[in-house]
Amino acid sequence: MKKKTLALVLAFTMTAALFTGCGSKNETETTQPQTETAAETESEEVDDQTAADEVAALIDAIYVQTRNENTDEQCAAAKAAWDKLTDAQKELVEGENADPDYFGRDTGDASKDDPLNEDGIGENELLVVSFGTSFNDSRAEDIGGVEKALQEANPDWSVRRAFTAQIIINHVQARDGEKIDNVEQALDRAVENGVKNLVVQPTHLMHGAEYDELVDALDGYKDKFETVTIAEPLLGEVGSDATVVNEDKAAVAEAITAEAVKTAGFDSLKAAKEDGTAFVFMGHGTSHTAKVSYSQMAAQMEKLGYDNVFIGTVEGEPEETACENVIAAVKEAGYTKVILRPLMVVAGDHANNDMAGDDDDSWKSQFVASGNFESVDCQIAGLGEIDAIQQIYVAHTKAAIDSLGDIATTASADSDVLADGTYSAKFDTDSSMFHVNEAYDGRGTLTVKNGKMTLHIVMPSQNIVNLFLGTAEDAQKDGAKLIQPTTEEVTYSDGSKEEVYAFDVPVEALEKEFDLALIGTKGKWYDHKVSVSDTQAE
């Protein structure tokens, strides 16, 4: 009995052990595939991030790269690597500058844009220089709009394009395969094509840092062409202070306001005002001395009676154009509805993101967050698509071309082409009452730069307070560009000294009479004919 019982116990124990052993084996076999799947998933995630990081590195390499012999190859490599990524991998692209939007954001059809980079230019070239934009629709409509207007107005000139922003040139080339010349490439192309007469029309708003850089770039090519000149930017000359306006600023103010009012669905600016609607034009802003141009645009709006139009800048320079200050000004004026619109040639990154974006720091978001307004709307459109703005550029280009013609005619007649430099020149007038200071023996200092001539003349006193290049009648019109005086100390032959006024007078041609009106301390304008001759190198 004991043996039988023991046998049963042993049998049960062995059977239990057998089943236990089988159970452990099955559990191990079930767990192993789960572990392998998790490892594979983790490996795939690592591979995805690695692939995305490789593309980010390629984007960062070209993002702010100065053009060099490897740029074309690197742009193509970055796009090819991006195209190989899955949609999930593309979302992981993140670098110092790189993000999924670099290649992934839809900004329109690049094929609608003409980069104007072909050869076969001819002797006369009109080079249109812009900062540029990577937003395809805006590039075609705004920059392309200006270029087409200039070509239509100047059929005997070949219009070509250059961008100053290499960061944009690289972006467009990498993403869309569209090659746009930078300024150096465009000038080299002009030289290689045998261009003789070059007119550069910047689409920049003002005489700011980029305009200065453009002048410097051209300085290195001045001996490559027979004639070369730079036309005025959109807003014309920069005045001496925030209150100074001109015809260009008035024309721009009227054009952009009319377009904004029409787009908003109002019959007039007055109707918008009665509705409680204010228009805010947002420019870029700058630390350059030309920033006063924004203040002058605000002054121009005020002079036109546009009480419900305000000027602001992304950079907040000048200070009164900062977003918070503009919000306060609109609120204080009592307007309850706001329409934001860019004061920029193109509706690119600043217009879409800094102005109309959804981030907390966009202008739209800040106006909404202030809680002061019933509605805040955005009009995303660049200045370049407005016909009236295009015609201002056309007028500036015409003036530049006309100046080349005058210089060429005079040079041919005199057999004397003045190179850039400084000269002493005789200043003749039609009146003994209008002459240069006796200490200068009837002469002024003529400066020639990039084909433009300016004569510096020192007056006998401070009795002449302004000059005007034209007639007395035109000098009294709104927006007339008056020549402002500077104060200089003159030392006479007897050792005495006196502070007098001096003026810088633009000269279109030598030995050719032109109108130069003056106004004295009594406030009356007078017509005069003057001429510049007998140039002597200093």
Protein backbone atom coordinates (compact mmCIF):
# COMPACT_ATOMS: atom_id res chain seq x y z
CA MET A 1 0.00 0.00 0.00
CA LYS A 2 2.80 2.36 0.89
CA LYS A 3 4.69 1.43 -2.30
CA LYS A 4 1.57 2.02 -4.43
CA THR A 5 0.95 5.33 -2.74
CA LEU A 6 4.57 6.36 -3.21
CA ALA A 7 4.42 5.38 -6.87
CA LEU A 8 1.31 7.50 -7.38
CA VAL A 9 2.96 10.47 -5.69
CA LEU A 10 6.06 10.13 -7.84
CA ALA A 11 3.96 9.78 -10.97
CA PHE A 12 1.98 12.94 -10.11
CA THR A 13 5.16 14.85 -9.33
CA MET A 14 6.80 13.89 -12.61
CA THR A 15 3.65 14.67 -14.57
CA ALA A 16 3.38 18.07 -12.89
CA ALA A 17 7.01 18.77 -13.60
CA LEU A 18 6.52 17.78 -17.21
CA PHE A 19 3.54 20.13 -17.62
CA THR A 20 5.40 22.92 -15.82
CA GLY A 21 8.38 22.52 -18.11
CA CYS A 22 6.17 22.63 -21.18
CA GLY A 23 4.43 25.73 -19.89
CA SER A 24 7.75 27.59 -19.39
CA LYS A 25 8.88 26.76 -22.89
CA ASN A 26 5.67 28.05 -24.45
CA GLU A 27 5.90 31.29 -22.44
CA THR A 28 9.46 31.90 -23.61
CA GLU A 29 8.52 31.32 -27.23
CA THR A 30 5.59 33.80 -26.92
CA THR A 31 7.68 36.58 -25.28
CA GLN A 32 10.59 36.49 -27.73
CA PRO A 33 8.71 37.80 -30.83
CA GLN A 34 7.24 40.67 -28.75
CA THR A 35 10.74 41.72 -27.68
CA GLU A 36 12.01 41.52 -31.25
CA THR A 37 9.07 43.67 -32.53
CA ALA A 38 9.79 46.42 -29.98
CA ALA A 39 13.46 46.43 -30.92
CA GLU A 40 12.62 46.60 -34.61
CA THR A 41 10.24 49.55 -34.00
CA GLU A 42 12.89 51.39 -32.01
CA SER A 43 15.42 50.70 -34.75
CA GLU A 44 13.03 52.02 -37.41
CA GLU A 45 12.47 55.20 -35.39
CA VAL A 46 16.21 55.69 -35.11
CA ASP A 47 16.58 55.12 -38.85
CA ASP A 48 13.79 57.66 -39.55
CA GLN A 49 15.44 60.30 -37.39
CA THR A 50 18.84 59.57 -38.91
CA ALA A 51 17.45 60.03 -42.41
CA ALA A 52 15.71 63.26 -41.38
CA ASP A 53 18.86 64.56 -39.68
CA GLU A 54 20.88 63.93 -42.83
CA VAL A 55 18.48 66.07 -44.84
CA ALA A 56 18.50 68.77 -42.15
CA ALA A 57 22.29 68.91 -42.36
CA LEU A 58 22.13 69.28 -46.15
CA ILE A 59 19.61 72.13 -45.83
CA ASP A 60 21.68 73.90 -43.17
CA ALA A 61 24.74 73.67 -45.43
CA ILE A 62 23.07 75.71 -48.19
CA TYR A 63 20.70 77.84 -46.10
CA VAL A 64 22.90 80.90 -45.61
CA GLN A 65 25.73 79.83 -47.86
CA THR A 66 27.53 82.40 -49.97
CA ARG A 67 27.48 81.13 -53.51
CA ASN A 68 30.52 79.02 -54.39
CA GLU A 69 31.58 76.28 -56.80
CA ASN A 70 29.68 73.64 -54.78
CA THR A 71 26.35 75.45 -54.40
CA ASP A 72 24.63 73.92 -57.45
CA GLU A 73 25.62 70.39 -56.47
CA GLN A 74 24.65 70.86 -52.82
CA CYS A 75 21.24 72.34 -53.68
CA ALA A 76 20.49 69.35 -55.90
CA ALA A 77 21.71 66.88 -53.26
CA ALA A 78 19.51 68.39 -50.55
CA LYS A 79 16.39 68.16 -52.73
CA ALA A 80 17.17 64.60 -53.83
CA ALA A 81 17.60 63.49 -50.22
CA TRP A 82 14.33 65.19 -49.22
CA ASP A 83 12.42 63.46 -52.03
CA LYS A 84 13.57 60.07 -50.73
CA LEU A 85 12.05 60.64 -47.27
CA THR A 86 8.67 59.27 -46.29
CA ASP A 87 6.00 61.73 -45.18
CA ALA A 88 6.66 60.71 -41.57
CA GLN A 89 10.40 61.28 -41.95
CA LYS A 90 9.87 64.71 -43.51
CA GLU A 91 8.05 65.84 -40.37
CA LEU A 92 11.18 65.00 -38.35
CA VAL A 93 13.49 67.33 -40.30
CA GLU A 94 14.85 69.88 -37.84
CA GLY A 95 18.21 71.67 -37.88
CA GLU A 96 19.77 74.99 -37.03
CA ASN A 97 17.73 76.56 -39.83
CA ALA A 98 16.16 73.55 -41.49
CA ASP A 99 12.53 72.56 -41.00
CA PRO A 100 9.87 70.69 -43.03
CA ASP A 101 8.65 73.95 -44.62
CA TYR A 102 11.93 74.50 -46.46
CA PHE A 103 10.94 71.96 -49.10
CA GLY A 104 7.42 71.10 -47.98
CA ARG A 105 5.52 74.39 -47.88
CA ASP A 106 3.37 75.12 -50.92
CA THR A 107 3.99 78.72 -52.03
CA GLY A 108 2.56 78.42 -55.53
CA ASP A 109 3.65 77.33 -58.99
CA ALA A 110 7.29 78.20 -59.65
CA SER A 111 6.84 77.61 -63.38
CA LYS A 112 4.81 80.84 -63.60
CA ASP A 113 7.93 82.85 -62.72
CA ASP A 114 10.53 83.91 -65.28
CA PRO A 115 14.01 84.26 -63.70
CA LEU A 116 15.16 86.45 -66.63
CA ASN A 117 18.64 84.97 -66.60
CA GLU A 118 19.16 84.30 -70.31
CA ASP A 119 21.96 85.64 -72.48
CA GLY A 120 21.50 87.53 -75.76
CA ILE A 121 21.03 90.81 -73.92
CA GLY A 122 22.24 93.33 -76.49
CA GLU A 123 23.84 96.72 -75.86
CA ASN A 124 21.19 98.16 -73.52
CA GLU A 125 20.28 96.37 -70.30
CA LEU A 126 17.79 97.27 -67.60
CA LEU A 127 18.76 95.22 -64.53
CA VAL A 128 15.95 94.98 -61.98
CA VAL A 129 17.42 94.27 -58.55
CA SER A 130 15.21 92.96 -55.73
CA PHE A 131 15.78 91.48 -52.30
CA GLY A 132 13.72 88.52 -53.51
CA THR A 133 11.21 86.06 -52.08
CA SER A 134 10.90 82.28 -51.97
CA PHE A 135 7.10 82.56 -52.19
CA ASN A 136 6.49 81.56 -55.80
CA ASP A 137 3.17 83.31 -56.37
CA SER A 138 4.44 86.58 -54.93
CA ARG A 139 7.67 86.37 -56.90
CA ALA A 140 5.73 85.99 -60.15
CA GLU A 141 3.04 88.58 -59.38
CA ASP A 142 4.97 91.24 -57.46
CA ILE A 143 8.55 91.18 -58.72
CA GLY A 144 7.50 89.77 -62.08
CA GLY A 145 4.79 92.41 -62.32
CA VAL A 146 7.32 95.22 -61.97
CA GLU A 147 9.72 93.58 -64.42
CA LYS A 148 7.02 93.13 -67.07
CA ALA A 149 5.86 96.73 -66.70
CA LEU A 150 9.43 97.95 -67.17
CA GLN A 151 9.94 95.76 -70.24
CA GLU A 152 6.70 96.97 -71.80
CA ALA A 153 7.68 100.60 -71.22
CA ASN A 154 11.22 100.09 -72.57
CA PRO A 155 11.06 97.78 -75.61
CA ASP A 156 14.56 98.80 -76.76
CA TRP A 157 16.10 97.60 -73.50
CA SER A 158 16.55 94.01 -72.30
CA VAL A 159 15.20 93.48 -68.79
CA ARG A 160 17.13 91.09 -66.57
CA ARG A 161 16.79 90.14 -62.89
CA ALA A 162 19.08 89.95 -59.87
CA PHE A 163 18.33 89.19 -56.21
CA THR A 164 20.45 90.50 -53.36
CA ALA A 165 19.45 87.75 -50.89
CA GLN A 166 21.55 84.63 -51.53
CA ILE A 167 19.53 82.82 -48.86
CA ILE A 168 16.47 83.15 -51.12
CA ILE A 169 18.38 82.33 -54.31
CA ASN A 170 19.61 79.07 -52.74
CA HIS A 171 16.14 78.21 -51.42
CA VAL A 172 14.40 78.68 -54.76
CA GLN A 173 17.11 76.78 -56.63
CA ALA A 174 17.12 73.84 -54.21
CA ARG A 175 13.34 73.53 -53.96
CA ASP A 176 12.20 74.43 -57.47
CA GLY A 177 15.28 74.12 -59.66
CA GLU A 178 14.94 77.79 -60.66
CA LYS A 179 18.26 79.61 -60.92
CA ILE A 180 18.20 83.35 -60.21
CA ASP A 181 21.30 85.51 -60.61
CA ASN A 182 22.76 87.36 -57.66
CA VAL A 183 24.08 90.86 -58.35
CA GLU A 184 27.62 89.72 -59.15
CA GLN A 185 26.37 87.01 -61.52
CA ALA A 186 24.05 89.45 -63.27
CA LEU A 187 26.80 92.05 -63.73
CA ASP A 188 29.22 89.41 -65.01
CA ARG A 189 26.52 88.24 -67.44
CA ALA A 190 26.10 91.82 -68.68
CA VAL A 191 29.85 92.17 -69.25
CA GLU A 192 30.08 88.82 -71.05
CA ASN A 193 27.17 89.81 -73.31
CA GLY A 194 28.82 93.06 -74.33
CA VAL A 195 26.32 95.41 -72.68
CA LYS A 196 27.30 99.05 -73.24
CA ASN A 197 24.58 100.94 -71.37
CA LEU A 198 23.38 99.65 -68.02
CA VAL A 199 20.52 101.03 -65.95
CA VAL A 200 19.89 99.40 -62.58
CA GLN A 201 16.37 99.73 -61.15
CA PRO A 202 16.16 98.60 -57.52
CA THR A 203 12.73 97.55 -56.30
CA HIS A 204 13.74 98.42 -52.73
CA LEU A 205 11.57 100.94 -50.90
CA MET A 206 14.29 103.38 -49.91
CA HIS A 207 17.94 104.43 -49.90
CA GLY A 208 18.74 101.93 -47.15
CA ALA A 209 21.56 99.49 -46.46
CA GLU A 210 20.82 97.29 -49.47
CA TYR A 211 20.75 100.28 -51.79
CA ASP A 212 24.16 101.33 -50.42
CA GLU A 213 25.50 97.80 -50.95
CA LEU A 214 24.21 97.85 -54.52
CA VAL A 215 26.01 101.13 -55.20
CA ASP A 216 29.22 99.63 -53.81
CA ALA A 217 28.84 96.52 -55.97
CA LEU A 218 28.35 98.62 -59.10
CA ASP A 219 31.42 100.68 -58.25
CA GLY A 220 33.58 97.68 -59.08
CA TYR A 221 32.06 97.44 -62.57
CA LYS A 222 31.90 101.12 -63.53
CA ASP A 223 34.72 100.76 -66.07
CA LYS A 224 33.07 97.75 -67.74
CA PHE A 225 30.30 99.79 -69.42
CA GLU A 226 30.13 102.99 -71.44
CA THR A 227 27.32 104.33 -69.25
CA VAL A 228 25.87 103.04 -65.98
CA THR A 229 23.42 104.54 -63.52
CA ILE A 230 21.07 103.55 -60.70
CA ALA A 231 17.46 104.66 -60.72
CA GLU A 232 15.61 105.85 -57.64
CA PRO A 233 14.03 103.31 -55.25
CA LEU A 234 10.26 103.39 -54.78
CA LEU A 235 10.01 106.19 -52.19
CA GLY A 236 12.57 108.44 -53.86
CA GLU A 237 15.05 110.59 -51.98
CA VAL A 238 15.24 110.44 -48.19
CA GLY A 239 14.31 113.80 -46.67
CA SER A 240 16.20 115.53 -43.89
CA ASP A 241 13.63 114.83 -41.17
CA ALA A 242 10.38 113.00 -40.43
CA THR A 243 8.19 115.76 -41.85
CA VAL A 244 9.76 115.88 -45.32
CA VAL A 245 7.67 114.27 -48.06
CA ASN A 246 7.89 114.17 -51.86
CA GLU A 247 5.96 113.28 -55.00
CA ASP A 248 7.00 109.63 -54.84
CA LYS A 249 5.80 109.16 -51.27
CA ALA A 250 2.52 110.88 -52.10
CA ALA A 251 1.98 108.66 -55.14
CA VAL A 252 2.78 105.51 -53.16
CA ALA A 253 0.50 106.54 -50.28
CA GLU A 254 -2.39 107.19 -52.63
CA ALA A 255 -1.86 103.96 -54.59
CA ILE A 256 -1.57 101.56 -51.67
CA THR A 257 -4.44 103.12 -49.75
CA ALA A 258 -6.75 103.00 -52.77
CA GLU A 259 -5.90 99.33 -53.33
CA ALA A 260 -6.46 98.44 -49.67
CA VAL A 261 -9.80 100.27 -49.58
CA LYS A 262 -10.97 98.55 -52.78
CA THR A 263 -9.88 95.11 -51.55
CA ALA A 264 -11.74 95.67 -48.28
CA GLY A 265 -14.94 96.38 -50.22
CA PHE A 266 -15.35 100.06 -49.34
CA ASP A 267 -16.32 102.75 -51.83
CA SER A 268 -13.89 105.20 -50.25
CA LEU A 269 -11.48 105.70 -47.37
CA LYS A 270 -14.06 107.99 -45.81
CA ALA A 271 -16.62 105.17 -45.86
CA ALA A 272 -14.11 102.90 -44.11
CA LYS A 273 -13.52 105.59 -41.49
CA GLU A 274 -17.25 105.94 -40.85
CA ASP A 275 -17.36 102.16 -40.41
CA GLY A 276 -14.68 102.44 -37.71
CA THR A 277 -12.06 100.70 -39.87
CA ALA A 278 -8.36 101.56 -39.77
CA PHE A 279 -5.72 100.40 -42.25
CA VAL A 280 -2.27 99.49 -40.95
CA PHE A 281 0.57 99.11 -43.46
CA MET A 282 3.42 97.00 -42.05
CA GLY A 283 6.91 97.59 -43.44
CA HIS A 284 10.16 95.85 -42.56
CA GLY A 285 11.95 98.55 -40.58
CA THR A 286 15.67 99.29 -40.46
CA SER A 287 18.40 100.68 -38.22
CA HIS A 288 19.78 102.57 -41.25
CA THR A 289 19.36 106.34 -41.26
CA ALA A 290 16.82 105.83 -44.04
CA LYS A 291 14.37 104.57 -41.40
CA VAL A 292 13.03 108.13 -41.32
CA SER A 293 11.28 107.18 -44.58
CA TYR A 294 8.66 105.28 -42.54
CA SER A 295 8.01 108.36 -40.42
CA GLN A 296 7.78 110.39 -43.60
CA MET A 297 5.19 107.98 -45.00
CA ALA A 298 3.14 108.49 -41.83
CA ALA A 299 3.51 112.25 -42.31
CA GLN A 300 2.44 111.84 -45.93
CA MET A 301 -0.71 109.96 -44.89
CA GLU A 302 -1.51 112.76 -42.47
CA LYS A 303 -0.89 115.41 -45.13
CA LEU A 304 -3.30 113.61 -47.47
CA GLY A 305 -5.94 113.60 -44.74
CA TYR A 306 -5.82 109.81 -44.34
CA ASP A 307 -6.63 109.84 -40.61
CA ASN A 308 -7.43 106.12 -40.46
CA VAL A 309 -4.18 104.95 -42.09
CA PHE A 310 -1.18 103.98 -39.93
CA ILE A 311 2.41 102.90 -40.64
CA GLY A 312 4.24 100.17 -38.70
CA THR A 313 7.35 97.99 -39.08
CA VAL A 314 8.32 94.43 -38.13
CA GLU A 315 11.61 95.60 -36.63
CA GLY A 316 10.04 98.49 -34.73
CA GLU A 317 12.50 100.99 -36.17
CA PRO A 318 11.70 103.84 -35.98
CA GLU A 319 10.31 103.31 -32.48
CA GLU A 320 6.84 104.71 -33.12
CA THR A 321 6.32 102.01 -35.77
CA ALA A 322 6.63 99.10 -33.30
CA CYS A 323 3.54 96.92 -33.11
CA GLU A 324 2.58 97.86 -29.55
CA ASN A 325 2.86 101.55 -30.39
CA VAL A 326 0.74 101.20 -33.51
CA ILE A 327 -1.90 99.28 -31.52
CA ALA A 328 -1.99 102.10 -28.99
CA ALA A 329 -2.28 104.73 -31.74
CA VAL A 330 -5.15 102.94 -33.49
CA LYS A 331 -6.95 102.43 -30.18
CA GLU A 332 -6.48 106.06 -29.15
CA ALA A 333 -7.87 107.21 -32.50
CA GLY A 334 -11.05 105.29 -31.71
CA TYR A 335 -11.11 102.69 -34.48
CA THR A 336 -12.68 99.33 -33.67
CA LYS A 337 -11.80 97.37 -36.81
CA VAL A 338 -8.34 96.83 -38.27
CA ILE A 339 -7.09 95.71 -41.67
CA LEU A 340 -3.40 94.79 -41.88
CA ARG A 341 -1.52 94.96 -45.19
CA PRO A 342 2.22 94.76 -45.99
CA LEU A 343 4.19 97.87 -46.95
CA MET A 344 6.56 95.65 -48.90
CA VAL A 345 7.14 94.99 -52.58
CA VAL A 346 6.47 91.27 -52.10
CA ALA A 347 4.02 89.36 -49.94
CA GLY A 348 6.55 86.83 -48.71
CA ASP A 349 7.63 85.47 -45.35
CA HIS A 350 7.04 88.70 -43.42
CA ALA A 351 3.54 89.16 -44.80
CA ASN A 352 2.49 85.54 -44.36
CA ASN A 353 4.13 84.91 -40.99
CA ASP A 354 5.09 88.13 -39.16
CA MET A 355 1.90 89.90 -40.17
CA ALA A 356 -0.78 87.26 -40.78
CA GLY A 357 0.63 84.19 -39.00
CA ASP A 358 -1.04 82.33 -36.13
CA ASP A 359 1.91 82.55 -33.73
CA ASP A 360 1.45 84.73 -30.66
CA ASP A 361 3.99 87.29 -31.85
CA SER A 362 2.42 87.94 -35.26
CA TRP A 363 0.82 91.35 -35.75
CA LYS A 364 -2.59 89.79 -36.27
CA SER A 365 -2.30 87.85 -33.01
CA GLN A 366 -1.06 90.90 -31.08
CA PHE A 367 -3.89 93.10 -32.33
CA VAL A 368 -6.41 90.39 -31.41
CA ALA A 369 -4.80 89.75 -28.01
CA SER A 370 -5.01 93.44 -27.13
CA GLY A 371 -8.79 93.04 -26.88
CA ASN A 372 -9.29 96.53 -28.31
CA PHE A 373 -10.82 95.62 -31.65
CA GLU A 374 -13.97 93.92 -32.91
CA SER A 375 -12.18 92.45 -35.91
CA VAL A 376 -8.65 92.12 -37.28
CA ASP A 377 -8.28 91.12 -40.94
CA CYS A 378 -5.27 90.73 -43.22
CA GLN A 379 -4.72 91.50 -46.89
CA ILE A 380 -1.75 89.45 -48.10
CA ALA A 381 -0.60 91.25 -51.24
CA GLY A 382 2.68 92.90 -52.21
CA LEU A 383 3.07 96.41 -53.59
CA GLY A 384 4.55 95.05 -56.81
CA GLU A 385 1.25 93.76 -58.13
CA ILE A 386 -0.39 97.22 -57.98
CA ASP A 387 -0.37 98.88 -61.40
CA ALA A 388 0.10 102.39 -60.00
CA ILE A 389 3.18 101.22 -58.08
CA GLN A 390 4.60 99.61 -61.21
CA GLN A 391 4.22 102.93 -63.02
CA ILE A 392 6.25 104.72 -60.34
CA TYR A 393 9.12 102.34 -61.06
CA VAL A 394 8.59 102.97 -64.78
CA ALA A 395 8.90 106.72 -64.18
CA HIS A 396 12.09 106.26 -62.14
CA THR A 397 13.62 104.11 -64.87
CA LYS A 398 12.69 106.65 -67.54
CA ALA A 399 14.41 109.40 -65.58
CA ALA A 400 17.55 107.26 -65.29
CA ILE A 401 17.55 106.41 -69.00
CA ASP A 402 16.97 110.05 -69.90
CA SER A 403 19.94 111.06 -67.75
CA LEU A 404 22.13 108.62 -69.65
CA GLY A 405 20.98 110.14 -72.91
CA ASP A 406 21.82 113.67 -71.78
CA ILE A 407 25.24 112.64 -70.54
CA ALA A 408 25.99 110.71 -73.73
CA THR A 409 24.92 113.63 -75.93
CA THR A 410 27.00 116.13 -73.99
CA ALA A 411 30.02 113.85 -73.93
CA SER A 412 29.80 113.33 -77.67
CA ALA A 413 29.54 117.07 -78.34
CA ASP A 414 32.43 117.97 -76.05
CA SER A 415 34.56 114.90 -76.86
CA ASP A 416 35.12 114.75 -73.12
CA VAL A 417 33.62 111.94 -71.03
CA LEU A 418 34.06 112.66 -67.35
CA ALA A 419 35.21 109.68 -65.35
CA ASP A 420 34.07 109.25 -61.78
CA GLY A 421 35.91 111.68 -59.55
CA THR A 422 36.00 115.26 -58.24
CA TYR A 423 36.39 118.34 -60.42
CA SER A 424 36.41 122.11 -60.12
CA ALA A 425 33.71 123.60 -62.37
CA LYS A 426 32.50 127.06 -63.33
CA PHE A 427 28.95 127.95 -62.24
CA ASP A 428 27.26 130.57 -64.45
CA THR A 429 23.86 132.18 -63.84
CA ASP A 430 21.63 134.71 -65.61
CA SER A 431 21.76 137.20 -62.71
CA SER A 432 24.46 139.05 -60.80
CA MET A 433 22.28 138.61 -57.71
CA PHE A 434 22.64 134.82 -57.89
CA HIS A 435 26.25 133.67 -57.73
CA VAL A 436 28.68 131.63 -55.68
CA ASN A 437 30.64 133.08 -52.79
CA GLU A 438 33.50 135.43 -53.80
CA ALA A 439 35.93 133.21 -51.91
CA TYR A 440 35.41 130.51 -54.56
CA ASP A 441 35.94 132.68 -57.65
CA GLY A 442 32.70 131.66 -59.37
CA ARG A 443 33.38 127.93 -59.14
CA GLY A 444 31.94 124.90 -57.40
CA THR A 445 33.01 121.31 -56.76
CA LEU A 446 31.63 118.79 -59.27
CA THR A 447 31.39 115.18 -58.10
CA VAL A 448 30.84 112.42 -60.67
CA LYS A 449 29.78 109.01 -59.37
CA ASN A 450 28.24 106.17 -61.40
CA GLY A 451 27.47 108.58 -64.22
CA LYS A 452 25.65 111.09 -61.99
CA MET A 453 27.00 114.63 -61.57
CA THR A 454 26.41 116.87 -58.55
CA LEU A 455 27.75 120.41 -58.14
CA HIS A 456 28.46 121.74 -54.65
CA ILE A 457 28.10 125.54 -54.60
CA VAL A 458 28.73 127.87 -51.65
CA MET A 459 26.51 130.96 -51.41
CA PRO A 460 27.54 134.49 -50.33
CA SER A 461 25.15 134.43 -47.35
CA GLN A 462 22.15 132.65 -45.84
CA ASN A 463 19.62 134.71 -47.80
CA ILE A 464 18.81 131.91 -50.29
CA VAL A 465 17.02 129.24 -48.26
CA ASN A 466 16.09 126.65 -50.94
CA LEU A 467 16.81 125.78 -54.56
CA PHE A 468 14.65 123.75 -56.95
CA LEU A 469 15.75 121.93 -60.10
CA GLY A 470 13.06 123.39 -62.37
CA THR A 471 10.82 126.42 -62.60
CA ALA A 472 9.48 128.59 -59.79
CA GLU A 473 5.96 127.47 -60.67
CA ASP A 474 6.82 123.79 -60.26
CA ALA A 475 8.71 124.50 -57.04
CA GLN A 476 5.46 125.57 -55.39
CA LYS A 477 3.57 122.36 -56.19
CA ASP A 478 2.86 119.77 -53.51
CA GLY A 479 5.62 117.21 -53.22
CA ALA A 480 8.24 119.32 -55.02
CA LYS A 481 11.76 118.06 -54.21
CA LEU A 482 13.45 121.15 -52.80
CA ILE A 483 17.23 121.24 -52.50
CA GLN A 484 18.01 121.82 -48.83
CA PRO A 485 20.95 123.98 -47.67
CA THR A 486 23.87 123.00 -45.51
CA THR A 487 25.81 125.46 -43.36
CA GLU A 488 29.50 126.08 -44.07
CA GLU A 489 32.10 128.44 -42.65
CA VAL A 490 33.92 130.52 -45.27
CA THR A 491 37.31 132.14 -44.69
CA TYR A 492 37.94 135.27 -46.79
CA SER A 493 41.26 136.64 -48.04
CA ASP A 494 41.42 139.14 -45.17
CA GLY A 495 41.13 136.31 -42.64
CA SER A 496 37.55 137.03 -41.64
CA LYS A 497 35.09 134.16 -41.35
CA GLU A 498 31.36 133.81 -41.98
CA GLU A 499 28.74 131.05 -41.84
CA VAL A 500 26.84 130.79 -45.13
CA TYR A 501 24.58 128.32 -46.95
CA ALA A 502 25.74 125.79 -49.54
CA PHE A 503 23.75 123.55 -51.90
CA ASP A 504 24.30 120.29 -53.81
CA VAL A 505 22.77 120.71 -57.26
CA PRO A 506 22.20 117.72 -59.60
CA VAL A 507 23.69 118.40 -63.04
CA GLU A 508 22.33 116.51 -66.04
CA ALA A 509 24.74 117.89 -68.64
CA LEU A 510 27.77 120.17 -68.95
CA GLU A 511 27.68 123.45 -70.90
CA LYS A 512 23.92 123.25 -71.19
CA GLU A 513 21.53 125.72 -69.57
CA PHE A 514 18.94 124.39 -67.15
CA ASP A 515 16.28 125.81 -64.84
CA LEU A 516 17.23 126.36 -61.20
CA ALA A 517 14.64 128.28 -59.16
CA LEU A 518 15.42 129.87 -55.80
CA ILE A 519 13.53 131.19 -52.81
CA GLY A 520 14.87 133.76 -50.35
CA THR A 521 14.05 134.74 -46.81
CA LYS A 522 11.05 136.75 -48.02
CA GLY A 523 9.36 133.56 -49.23
CA LYS A 524 9.10 134.33 -52.96
CA TRP A 525 10.29 131.97 -55.71
CA TYR A 526 12.35 133.28 -58.67
CA ASP A 527 13.24 131.63 -61.99
CA HIS A 528 16.86 131.41 -63.11
CA LYS A 529 18.88 129.79 -65.87
CA VAL A 530 22.26 128.31 -64.93
CA SER A 531 25.00 126.19 -66.51
CA VAL A 532 28.12 124.27 -65.49
CA SER A 533 31.30 124.29 -67.58
CA ASP A 534 35.10 124.44 -67.62
CA THR A 535 35.68 121.30 -65.56
CA GLN A 536 39.16 120.79 -64.14
CA ALA A 537 40.28 117.64 -62.34
CA GLU A 538 41.20 118.19 -58.70
